[in-house]
Amino acid sequence: MPTTHFIVHDKKDTVGVIVDENGVKKGQKLTGWVMEGDATITLQAVDDVPLGHKIALKDIRKGETILKYGNDIGKAVADIGKGRHAHVHNMKTKRW
């Protein structure tokens, strides 16, 4: 079985969470586990992404809702390309 670099809880999620203790490096081919349905997906990292941070599973346009663990966790404040690091520099909560 290949190494799992990131996990996704819900098929509708737009980001996955890096679980590789070393994080992932730009250009690295990644394998993710989608818990709903017990499936695997592959993705190429466009940025370095540290452990516990999010990676975009698809192109996310500025203003779109970001879904993690099946929940709305905020919105994109800039376009986030597939395979890019999704964090405070390009997303924020909708509360403020």
N, C-alpha and C. Protein backbone atom coordinates (compact mmCIF):
# COMPACT_ATOMS: atom_id res chain seq x y z
N MET A 1 0.85 -1.19 0.00
CA MET A 1 0.00 0.00 0.00
C MET A 1 0.89 1.24 0.00
N PRO A 2 0.55 2.23 -0.85
CA PRO A 2 1.38 3.45 -0.90
C PRO A 2 1.25 4.28 0.38
N THR A 3 2.22 5.12 0.61
CA THR A 3 2.19 6.05 1.74
C THR A 3 1.01 6.99 1.59
N THR A 4 0.33 7.27 2.69
CA THR A 4 -0.75 8.25 2.69
C THR A 4 -0.17 9.59 3.10
N HIS A 5 -0.23 10.57 2.19
CA HIS A 5 0.30 11.90 2.44
C HIS A 5 -0.73 12.85 3.02
N PHE A 6 -2.01 12.64 2.65
CA PHE A 6 -3.07 13.50 3.14
C PHE A 6 -4.35 12.70 3.30
N ILE A 7 -5.26 13.24 4.15
CA ILE A 7 -6.56 12.59 4.33
C ILE A 7 -7.67 13.56 3.98
N VAL A 8 -8.77 12.96 3.54
CA VAL A 8 -9.98 13.68 3.18
C VAL A 8 -11.12 12.91 3.84
N HIS A 9 -11.97 13.57 4.58
CA HIS A 9 -13.07 12.88 5.25
C HIS A 9 -14.26 12.67 4.34
N ASP A 10 -14.64 13.68 3.59
CA ASP A 10 -15.88 13.69 2.83
C ASP A 10 -15.57 13.87 1.35
N LYS A 11 -16.29 13.17 0.50
CA LYS A 11 -16.08 13.28 -0.95
C LYS A 11 -16.26 14.70 -1.47
N LYS A 12 -17.04 15.52 -0.76
CA LYS A 12 -17.29 16.90 -1.18
C LYS A 12 -16.20 17.87 -0.73
N ASP A 13 -15.28 17.42 0.13
CA ASP A 13 -14.22 18.30 0.62
C ASP A 13 -13.43 18.90 -0.54
N THR A 14 -13.01 20.15 -0.36
CA THR A 14 -12.20 20.82 -1.38
C THR A 14 -10.73 20.91 -0.96
N VAL A 15 -10.45 20.54 0.29
CA VAL A 15 -9.07 20.48 0.77
C VAL A 15 -8.86 19.17 1.53
N GLY A 16 -7.61 18.72 1.52
CA GLY A 16 -7.20 17.59 2.33
C GLY A 16 -6.19 18.08 3.36
N VAL A 17 -5.96 17.27 4.37
CA VAL A 17 -5.04 17.63 5.44
C VAL A 17 -3.79 16.74 5.35
N ILE A 18 -2.62 17.39 5.33
CA ILE A 18 -1.35 16.66 5.24
C ILE A 18 -1.12 15.90 6.55
N VAL A 19 -0.87 14.59 6.42
CA VAL A 19 -0.61 13.74 7.59
C VAL A 19 0.78 13.12 7.57
N ASP A 20 1.52 13.36 6.51
CA ASP A 20 2.90 12.88 6.44
C ASP A 20 3.74 13.70 7.43
N GLU A 21 4.38 13.05 8.39
CA GLU A 21 5.08 13.78 9.46
C GLU A 21 6.18 14.69 8.95
N ASN A 22 6.65 14.48 7.72
CA ASN A 22 7.67 15.34 7.13
C ASN A 22 7.07 16.47 6.30
N GLY A 23 5.74 16.53 6.23
CA GLY A 23 5.10 17.47 5.32
C GLY A 23 5.30 16.98 3.90
N VAL A 24 4.98 17.79 2.91
CA VAL A 24 5.20 17.43 1.52
C VAL A 24 5.95 18.55 0.81
N LYS A 25 6.65 18.18 -0.23
CA LYS A 25 7.49 19.12 -0.98
C LYS A 25 6.88 19.43 -2.34
N LYS A 26 7.13 20.63 -2.80
CA LYS A 26 6.70 21.08 -4.12
C LYS A 26 7.14 20.05 -5.16
N GLY A 27 6.21 19.67 -6.05
CA GLY A 27 6.50 18.73 -7.11
C GLY A 27 6.30 17.27 -6.74
N GLN A 28 6.10 17.00 -5.46
CA GLN A 28 5.95 15.62 -4.99
C GLN A 28 4.58 15.07 -5.41
N LYS A 29 4.57 13.81 -5.88
CA LYS A 29 3.32 13.14 -6.19
C LYS A 29 2.77 12.57 -4.88
N LEU A 30 1.51 12.89 -4.58
CA LEU A 30 0.91 12.56 -3.30
C LEU A 30 -0.23 11.55 -3.45
N THR A 31 -0.40 10.76 -2.42
CA THR A 31 -1.53 9.85 -2.34
C THR A 31 -2.38 10.26 -1.15
N GLY A 32 -3.67 10.38 -1.37
CA GLY A 32 -4.58 10.74 -0.31
C GLY A 32 -5.61 9.66 -0.09
N TRP A 33 -6.07 9.56 1.15
CA TRP A 33 -7.11 8.61 1.51
C TRP A 33 -8.41 9.36 1.75
N VAL A 34 -9.44 9.00 1.00
CA VAL A 34 -10.77 9.56 1.19
C VAL A 34 -11.53 8.59 2.08
N MET A 35 -11.78 9.00 3.31
CA MET A 35 -12.39 8.13 4.29
C MET A 35 -13.80 7.69 3.88
N GLU A 36 -14.60 8.65 3.36
CA GLU A 36 -15.93 8.30 2.88
C GLU A 36 -15.76 7.46 1.62
N GLY A 37 -16.08 6.22 1.69
CA GLY A 37 -15.94 5.32 0.55
C GLY A 37 -14.63 4.57 0.51
N ASP A 38 -13.71 4.87 1.44
CA ASP A 38 -12.42 4.18 1.52
C ASP A 38 -11.71 4.13 0.17
N ALA A 39 -11.51 5.30 -0.42
CA ALA A 39 -10.86 5.41 -1.73
C ALA A 39 -9.53 6.13 -1.61
N THR A 40 -8.69 5.99 -2.62
CA THR A 40 -7.45 6.77 -2.68
C THR A 40 -7.50 7.68 -3.90
N ILE A 41 -6.84 8.83 -3.76
CA ILE A 41 -6.71 9.78 -4.87
C ILE A 41 -5.25 10.22 -4.94
N THR A 42 -4.85 10.69 -6.10
CA THR A 42 -3.48 11.20 -6.26
C THR A 42 -3.54 12.67 -6.65
N LEU A 43 -2.46 13.36 -6.32
CA LEU A 43 -2.38 14.80 -6.51
C LEU A 43 -0.91 15.17 -6.53
N GLN A 44 -0.53 16.17 -7.29
CA GLN A 44 0.84 16.67 -7.26
C GLN A 44 0.88 17.97 -6.48
N ALA A 45 1.80 18.05 -5.52
CA ALA A 45 1.94 19.26 -4.70
C ALA A 45 2.57 20.37 -5.54
N VAL A 46 1.96 21.55 -5.53
CA VAL A 46 2.48 22.71 -6.24
C VAL A 46 3.34 23.56 -5.29
N ASP A 47 3.10 23.40 -3.99
CA ASP A 47 3.84 24.12 -2.95
C ASP A 47 4.34 23.11 -1.91
N ASP A 48 5.32 23.52 -1.11
CA ASP A 48 5.63 22.79 0.11
C ASP A 48 4.45 22.99 1.06
N VAL A 49 4.01 21.93 1.73
CA VAL A 49 2.89 22.03 2.67
C VAL A 49 3.28 21.29 3.94
N PRO A 50 3.30 21.98 5.09
CA PRO A 50 3.69 21.34 6.34
C PRO A 50 2.62 20.38 6.89
N LEU A 51 3.04 19.51 7.77
CA LEU A 51 2.17 18.60 8.49
C LEU A 51 1.01 19.37 9.12
N GLY A 52 -0.21 18.87 8.96
CA GLY A 52 -1.39 19.47 9.56
C GLY A 52 -2.01 20.60 8.76
N HIS A 53 -1.33 21.05 7.72
CA HIS A 53 -1.88 22.13 6.89
C HIS A 53 -2.71 21.52 5.76
N LYS A 54 -3.43 22.38 5.05
CA LYS A 54 -4.35 21.94 4.01
C LYS A 54 -3.74 22.08 2.62
N ILE A 55 -4.19 21.18 1.73
CA ILE A 55 -3.82 21.22 0.33
C ILE A 55 -5.10 21.21 -0.50
N ALA A 56 -5.16 22.07 -1.52
CA ALA A 56 -6.35 22.16 -2.37
C ALA A 56 -6.47 20.93 -3.25
N LEU A 57 -7.66 20.33 -3.25
CA LEU A 57 -7.92 19.14 -4.05
C LEU A 57 -8.41 19.48 -5.45
N LYS A 58 -8.79 20.73 -5.64
CA LYS A 58 -9.27 21.22 -6.93
C LYS A 58 -8.97 22.71 -6.99
N ASP A 59 -9.15 23.31 -8.14
CA ASP A 59 -9.02 24.77 -8.23
C ASP A 59 -10.15 25.39 -7.43
N ILE A 60 -9.81 26.31 -6.54
CA ILE A 60 -10.78 27.01 -5.71
C ILE A 60 -10.69 28.49 -6.08
N ARG A 61 -11.80 29.06 -6.50
CA ARG A 61 -11.82 30.46 -6.92
C ARG A 61 -12.00 31.39 -5.72
N LYS A 62 -11.47 32.58 -5.83
CA LYS A 62 -11.65 33.60 -4.80
C LYS A 62 -13.15 33.73 -4.48
N GLY A 63 -13.49 33.72 -3.19
CA GLY A 63 -14.87 33.85 -2.75
C GLY A 63 -15.58 32.53 -2.52
N GLU A 64 -15.03 31.43 -3.04
CA GLU A 64 -15.67 30.13 -2.87
C GLU A 64 -15.49 29.60 -1.44
N THR A 65 -16.46 28.82 -1.03
CA THR A 65 -16.43 28.16 0.27
C THR A 65 -15.42 27.02 0.23
N ILE A 66 -14.69 26.86 1.33
CA ILE A 66 -13.72 25.78 1.47
C ILE A 66 -14.30 24.76 2.43
N LEU A 67 -14.31 23.49 2.00
CA LEU A 67 -14.86 22.41 2.79
C LEU A 67 -13.76 21.48 3.28
N LYS A 68 -13.76 21.22 4.59
CA LYS A 68 -12.82 20.28 5.21
C LYS A 68 -13.61 19.45 6.21
N TYR A 69 -13.37 18.15 6.20
CA TYR A 69 -14.10 17.23 7.11
C TYR A 69 -15.61 17.37 6.93
N GLY A 70 -16.04 17.71 5.71
CA GLY A 70 -17.46 17.85 5.42
C GLY A 70 -18.07 19.14 5.92
N ASN A 71 -17.24 20.07 6.41
CA ASN A 71 -17.74 21.32 6.99
C ASN A 71 -17.18 22.54 6.28
N ASP A 72 -17.97 23.59 6.27
CA ASP A 72 -17.57 24.89 5.76
C ASP A 72 -16.58 25.49 6.76
N ILE A 73 -15.32 25.68 6.34
CA ILE A 73 -14.31 26.24 7.25
C ILE A 73 -13.91 27.66 6.87
N GLY A 74 -14.54 28.21 5.84
CA GLY A 74 -14.21 29.57 5.44
C GLY A 74 -14.33 29.76 3.95
N LYS A 75 -13.70 30.85 3.49
CA LYS A 75 -13.75 31.16 2.06
C LYS A 75 -12.36 31.53 1.57
N ALA A 76 -12.17 31.33 0.28
CA ALA A 76 -10.90 31.70 -0.36
C ALA A 76 -10.87 33.21 -0.54
N VAL A 77 -9.78 33.85 -0.14
CA VAL A 77 -9.61 35.30 -0.36
C VAL A 77 -8.71 35.56 -1.56
N ALA A 78 -8.27 34.48 -2.18
CA ALA A 78 -7.49 34.52 -3.42
C ALA A 78 -7.75 33.19 -4.12
N ASP A 79 -7.50 33.14 -5.41
CA ASP A 79 -7.60 31.85 -6.11
C ASP A 79 -6.57 30.90 -5.52
N ILE A 80 -6.98 29.63 -5.35
CA ILE A 80 -6.08 28.59 -4.83
C ILE A 80 -6.10 27.45 -5.84
N GLY A 81 -5.00 27.25 -6.53
CA GLY A 81 -4.94 26.20 -7.54
C GLY A 81 -4.84 24.82 -6.93
N LYS A 82 -5.29 23.84 -7.68
CA LYS A 82 -5.20 22.44 -7.26
C LYS A 82 -3.75 22.11 -6.89
N GLY A 83 -3.55 21.49 -5.73
CA GLY A 83 -2.21 21.12 -5.29
C GLY A 83 -1.48 22.20 -4.51
N ARG A 84 -2.13 23.35 -4.31
CA ARG A 84 -1.50 24.47 -3.59
C ARG A 84 -1.82 24.42 -2.10
N HIS A 85 -0.98 25.07 -1.33
CA HIS A 85 -1.13 25.21 0.11
C HIS A 85 -2.32 26.13 0.38
N ALA A 86 -3.29 25.66 1.16
CA ALA A 86 -4.45 26.48 1.55
C ALA A 86 -4.28 26.80 3.03
N HIS A 87 -4.09 28.09 3.32
CA HIS A 87 -3.83 28.50 4.70
C HIS A 87 -4.22 29.98 4.86
N VAL A 88 -3.79 30.61 5.92
CA VAL A 88 -4.20 31.98 6.24
C VAL A 88 -3.84 33.01 5.17
N HIS A 89 -2.90 32.71 4.29
CA HIS A 89 -2.52 33.67 3.25
C HIS A 89 -3.51 33.70 2.09
N ASN A 90 -4.38 32.69 1.98
CA ASN A 90 -5.32 32.67 0.86
C ASN A 90 -6.74 32.24 1.25
N MET A 91 -7.00 32.14 2.55
CA MET A 91 -8.35 31.81 3.01
C MET A 91 -8.59 32.44 4.38
N LYS A 92 -9.85 32.59 4.74
CA LYS A 92 -10.18 33.11 6.07
C LYS A 92 -11.58 32.64 6.46
N THR A 93 -11.85 32.74 7.74
CA THR A 93 -13.17 32.40 8.25
C THR A 93 -14.20 33.37 7.71
N LYS A 94 -15.44 32.95 7.66
CA LYS A 94 -16.53 33.83 7.23
C LYS A 94 -17.07 34.65 8.41
N ARG A 95 -16.60 34.40 9.59
CA ARG A 95 -17.10 35.08 10.79
C ARG A 95 -16.74 36.56 10.81
N TRP A 96 -15.61 36.94 10.22
CA TRP A 96 -15.16 38.33 10.28
C TRP A 96 -15.02 38.92 8.91
